[in-house]
Protein backbone atom coordinates (compact mmCIF):
# COMPACT_ATOMS: atom_id res chain seq x y z
CA ALA A 1 16.36 12.91 10.69
CA GLY A 2 14.39 13.50 13.84
CA VAL A 3 11.15 14.77 15.21
CA PRO A 4 9.98 18.10 13.73
CA THR A 5 11.65 20.99 15.56
CA ALA A 6 11.63 24.78 15.40
CA ASN A 7 13.51 24.45 12.12
CA HIS A 8 10.52 22.66 10.61
CA VAL A 9 7.03 23.94 9.86
CA ALA A 10 5.57 25.21 13.15
CA ASP A 11 1.94 24.17 12.62
CA PRO A 12 1.59 20.40 13.21
CA ARG A 13 -1.33 20.32 10.77
CA ALA A 14 1.09 21.41 8.05
CA TRP A 15 3.53 18.63 8.91
CA THR A 16 3.48 15.64 6.63
CA VAL A 17 1.57 12.63 7.91
CA SER A 18 4.91 10.85 8.23
CA GLU A 19 6.33 13.64 10.39
CA ARG A 20 3.28 13.50 12.65
CA LEU A 21 3.67 9.74 12.98
CA LEU A 22 7.36 10.16 13.76
CA ALA A 23 6.52 12.59 16.56
CA LEU A 24 4.17 9.96 18.03
CA VAL A 25 6.86 7.29 17.71
CA HIS A 26 9.42 9.58 19.36
CA TYR A 27 7.10 10.02 22.35
CA ASN A 28 6.45 6.29 22.64
CA VAL A 29 10.14 5.40 22.38
CA HIS A 30 10.81 7.53 25.46
CA SER A 31 7.68 6.77 27.49
CA ARG A 32 6.31 3.27 26.84
CA GLU A 33 7.02 0.48 29.32
CA ASP A 34 8.19 -1.75 26.44
CA ARG A 35 10.45 0.91 24.93
CA PRO A 36 12.45 1.38 22.78
CA ASN A 37 11.29 -1.26 20.29
CA TYR A 38 7.72 -1.13 21.52
CA ALA A 39 4.83 -3.29 20.30
CA VAL A 40 2.62 -1.87 17.56
CA THR A 41 0.41 -4.96 17.13
CA ASP A 42 0.40 -8.39 18.76
CA GLN A 43 2.76 -9.56 15.99
CA SER A 44 4.93 -6.51 15.36
CA THR A 45 7.13 -3.82 16.87
CA ILE A 46 8.02 -0.32 15.73
CA SER A 47 11.22 -1.55 14.05
CA ASP A 48 9.01 -3.41 11.56
CA TYR A 49 7.73 -0.08 10.23
CA LEU A 50 10.19 2.73 10.91
CA GLU A 51 12.93 3.60 8.42
CA LEU A 52 14.41 6.61 10.19
CA GLY A 53 16.99 7.54 7.57
CA ARG A 54 14.52 7.46 4.70
CA GLU A 55 13.67 10.93 3.37
CA PRO A 56 13.09 11.85 -0.29
CA THR A 57 15.67 14.15 -1.86
CA ALA A 58 13.36 15.37 -4.62
CA ARG A 59 9.69 15.09 -5.57
CA THR A 60 8.78 12.55 -8.22
CA THR A 61 7.39 14.00 -11.46
CA PHE A 62 5.92 11.97 -14.31
CA VAL A 63 3.86 12.42 -17.46
CA GLU A 64 0.49 10.67 -17.70
CA ALA A 65 -2.85 11.47 -19.36
CA SER A 66 -1.10 14.20 -21.41
CA ASP A 67 -0.15 16.12 -18.25
CA GLU A 68 2.92 16.45 -16.06
CA TRP A 69 2.16 15.47 -12.46
CA THR A 70 4.24 15.91 -9.32
CA LEU A 71 3.69 13.92 -6.13
CA TYR A 72 3.49 16.16 -3.06
CA PRO A 73 3.57 14.74 0.47
CA LEU A 74 0.28 14.21 2.27
CA THR A 75 0.01 16.62 5.19
CA GLY A 76 -2.10 16.25 8.28
CA ALA A 77 -4.42 19.02 7.12
CA MET A 78 -4.91 17.27 3.78
CA ALA A 79 -5.78 14.00 5.51
CA GLU A 80 -8.25 15.83 7.75
CA ALA A 81 -9.92 17.31 4.66
CA ILE A 82 -10.25 13.87 3.03
CA GLU A 83 -11.79 12.53 6.24
CA ALA A 84 -14.21 15.47 6.45
CA LEU A 85 -15.49 14.74 2.93
CA GLN A 86 -16.39 11.10 3.58
CA GLY A 87 -19.80 10.20 2.18
CA SER A 88 -20.23 13.51 0.37
CA ILE A 89 -18.38 13.00 -2.92
CA THR A 90 -20.48 11.88 -5.88
CA TYR A 91 -19.15 11.39 -9.39
CA VAL A 92 -20.35 10.17 -12.77
CA LYS A 93 -18.91 7.01 -14.32
CA ASN A 94 -20.29 5.47 -17.51
CA GLY A 95 -23.43 7.54 -17.12
CA ASN A 96 -24.05 6.39 -13.54
CA SER A 97 -23.97 8.62 -10.46
CA LEU A 98 -21.88 7.03 -7.72
CA THR A 99 -20.70 7.97 -4.23
CA LEU A 100 -17.13 7.45 -3.08
CA SER A 101 -16.80 5.38 0.08
CA GLY A 102 -14.31 3.32 2.04
CA LEU A 103 -10.93 2.61 0.50
CA MET A 104 -11.87 4.20 -2.83
CA HIS A 105 -12.71 7.48 -1.07
CA TRP A 106 -9.31 7.58 0.60
CA LEU A 107 -7.39 6.61 -2.54
CA VAL A 108 -9.14 9.17 -4.73
CA GLY A 109 -8.83 11.79 -2.00
CA ALA A 110 -5.11 11.19 -1.55
CA MET A 111 -4.44 11.13 -5.30
CA SER A 112 -6.43 14.36 -5.72
CA ALA A 113 -4.51 16.02 -2.89
CA GLN A 114 -1.03 14.79 -3.75
CA LEU A 115 -0.88 14.54 -7.56
CA LEU A 116 -0.64 18.13 -8.77
CA ARG A 117 0.04 19.90 -12.03
CA ALA A 118 1.47 23.42 -12.17
CA ILE A 119 -2.00 24.87 -12.77
CA ASP A 120 -3.35 23.01 -9.72
CA ILE A 121 -0.71 24.50 -7.43
CA GLU A 122 -1.65 28.02 -8.54
CA LYS A 123 -5.31 27.50 -7.58
CA MET A 124 -4.95 25.32 -4.47
CA PRO A 125 -5.68 26.96 -1.08
CA ASP A 126 -3.28 26.23 1.75
CA ALA A 127 -4.71 23.17 3.49
CA ALA A 128 -3.53 24.21 6.95
CA ALA A 129 -4.12 27.97 6.74
CA ASP A 130 -7.44 27.86 4.87
CA GLN A 131 -9.05 24.54 5.75
CA ASP A 132 -12.55 25.51 4.57
CA GLY A 133 -11.22 26.77 1.25
CA TYR A 134 -9.10 23.68 0.81
CA ILE A 135 -12.01 21.32 1.55
CA LYS A 136 -14.13 23.09 -1.08
CA TRP A 137 -11.26 22.87 -3.59
CA LEU A 138 -10.74 19.17 -2.90
CA ALA A 139 -14.49 18.48 -3.06
CA LYS A 140 -14.50 19.79 -6.65
CA ARG A 141 -11.32 17.92 -7.58
CA MET A 142 -12.17 14.45 -6.31
CA PRO A 143 -15.17 13.83 -8.64
CA ILE A 144 -12.98 14.74 -11.61
CA MET A 145 -10.30 12.28 -10.53
CA ALA A 146 -12.83 9.53 -9.80
CA GLY A 147 -14.69 10.12 -13.06
CA MET A 148 -11.65 9.64 -15.30
CA PRO A 149 -11.97 6.85 -17.90
CA GLY A 150 -10.97 3.56 -16.31
CA SER A 151 -7.81 3.07 -18.34
CA THR A 152 -6.62 6.63 -17.63
CA PHE A 153 -7.29 6.31 -13.91
CA ASP A 154 -5.53 2.94 -13.77
CA LEU A 155 -2.39 4.38 -15.38
CA LEU A 156 -2.39 7.37 -13.02
CA TYR A 157 -2.94 5.07 -10.05
CA ALA A 158 -0.02 2.87 -11.10
CA GLN A 159 2.25 5.92 -11.30
CA TYR A 160 0.97 7.09 -7.92
CA ARG A 161 1.84 3.79 -6.26
CA VAL A 162 5.37 3.86 -7.65
CA ALA A 163 5.87 7.50 -6.62
CA MET A 164 4.51 6.87 -3.10
CA ASP A 165 7.05 4.12 -2.58
CA LYS A 166 9.91 6.08 -4.13
CA ASP A 167 9.22 9.25 -2.14
CA ARG A 168 8.37 7.65 1.18
CA GLN A 169 9.45 9.45 4.34
CA PHE A 170 10.19 7.36 7.44
CA PHE A 171 7.25 5.00 6.78
CA ARG A 172 5.51 3.16 3.93
CA LEU A 173 2.12 4.88 4.01
CA TRP A 174 -0.99 3.50 2.37
CA PHE A 175 -4.74 3.48 2.99
CA ASP A 176 -7.64 1.28 3.99
CA SER A 177 -11.34 1.98 4.34
CA GLU A 178 -10.76 4.02 7.52
CA GLY A 179 -7.80 6.15 6.49
CA VAL A 180 -4.01 6.13 6.62
CA ILE A 181 -2.20 2.93 7.53
CA VAL A 182 1.49 2.07 7.80
CA MET A 183 2.78 -0.86 5.80
CA PRO A 184 5.65 -3.03 7.10
CA LEU A 185 9.11 -2.50 5.71
CA GLU A 186 10.02 -4.49 2.63
CA GLN A 187 11.73 -7.79 3.24
CA PRO A 188 15.19 -8.64 1.80
CA ASN A 189 15.23 -10.33 -1.60
CA GLY A 190 11.55 -9.62 -2.15
CA ALA A 191 10.38 -12.05 0.54
CA GLN A 192 6.71 -11.81 1.48
CA ALA A 193 6.16 -9.75 4.63
CA VAL A 194 4.21 -11.47 7.40
CA THR A 195 3.98 -8.34 9.54
CA PRO A 196 0.51 -6.78 9.40
CA ALA A 197 -0.20 -3.24 8.30
CA ALA A 198 -0.89 -0.97 11.27
CA ARG A 199 -2.69 2.19 12.24
CA PHE A 200 -0.70 4.34 14.66
CA LEU A 201 -3.15 5.66 17.24
CA VAL A 202 -2.68 8.37 19.85
CA ARG A 203 -3.82 5.85 22.48
CA SER A 204 -0.53 4.04 21.88
CA CYS A 205 1.05 6.80 24.00
CA ILE A 206 -0.99 5.69 26.99
CA GLY A 207 0.53 3.09 29.29
CA GLN A 208 -1.08 -0.34 29.69
CA LEU A 209 -2.02 0.42 33.31
CA ALA A 210 -3.87 3.57 32.29
CA LEU A 211 -5.64 1.68 29.51
CA ALA A 212 -6.66 -1.06 31.92
CA VAL A 213 -8.06 1.49 34.39
CA ALA A 214 -10.01 3.11 31.56
CA GLY A 215 -11.31 -0.27 30.41
CA LYS A 216 -9.57 0.02 27.03
CA SER A 217 -6.95 -2.70 27.32
């Protein structure tokens, strides 16, 4: 596998988040002073996160809450929609009106975007081609997902975590209160990883000299 080419989807917003991250890694591997195994954090390098040969062969499908769900990859456009909706999603739980925020916003947003039934696919606008329509669709979907009974949501969440790991592409993606993060690769024999999770930023493409001149080092 390599960086997305003309044989892939042309619009980078329609690329999966993993493909976008791989494109950033590809640039860094050929341009950073500390290439090829460049530093991602003070305690880690890109080899702690990248699993280049890892691509799912089929989408995971499972039955939960009396429905059949399929995990679809998170695209850049989907992630942008989740980000755009921060602070605006309210839902009802146990008779209380609540607002999604932080990690819960990103988890519910990702689950709403990625876990789809056949009927959802028929109604879902294209996230890259119709961003406004997709944001409106997701804004209606997220309160439903968040408002599920606790036991039902917990079961769906557990299935989501398993599917995300099974279907991972190049990286182990997860979320924190600010968005998408990359988890370190699993250690042999189930050993506890000491490498921190990381957020791959565009500024990582900029050399240390340029960062120092800009006062960002």
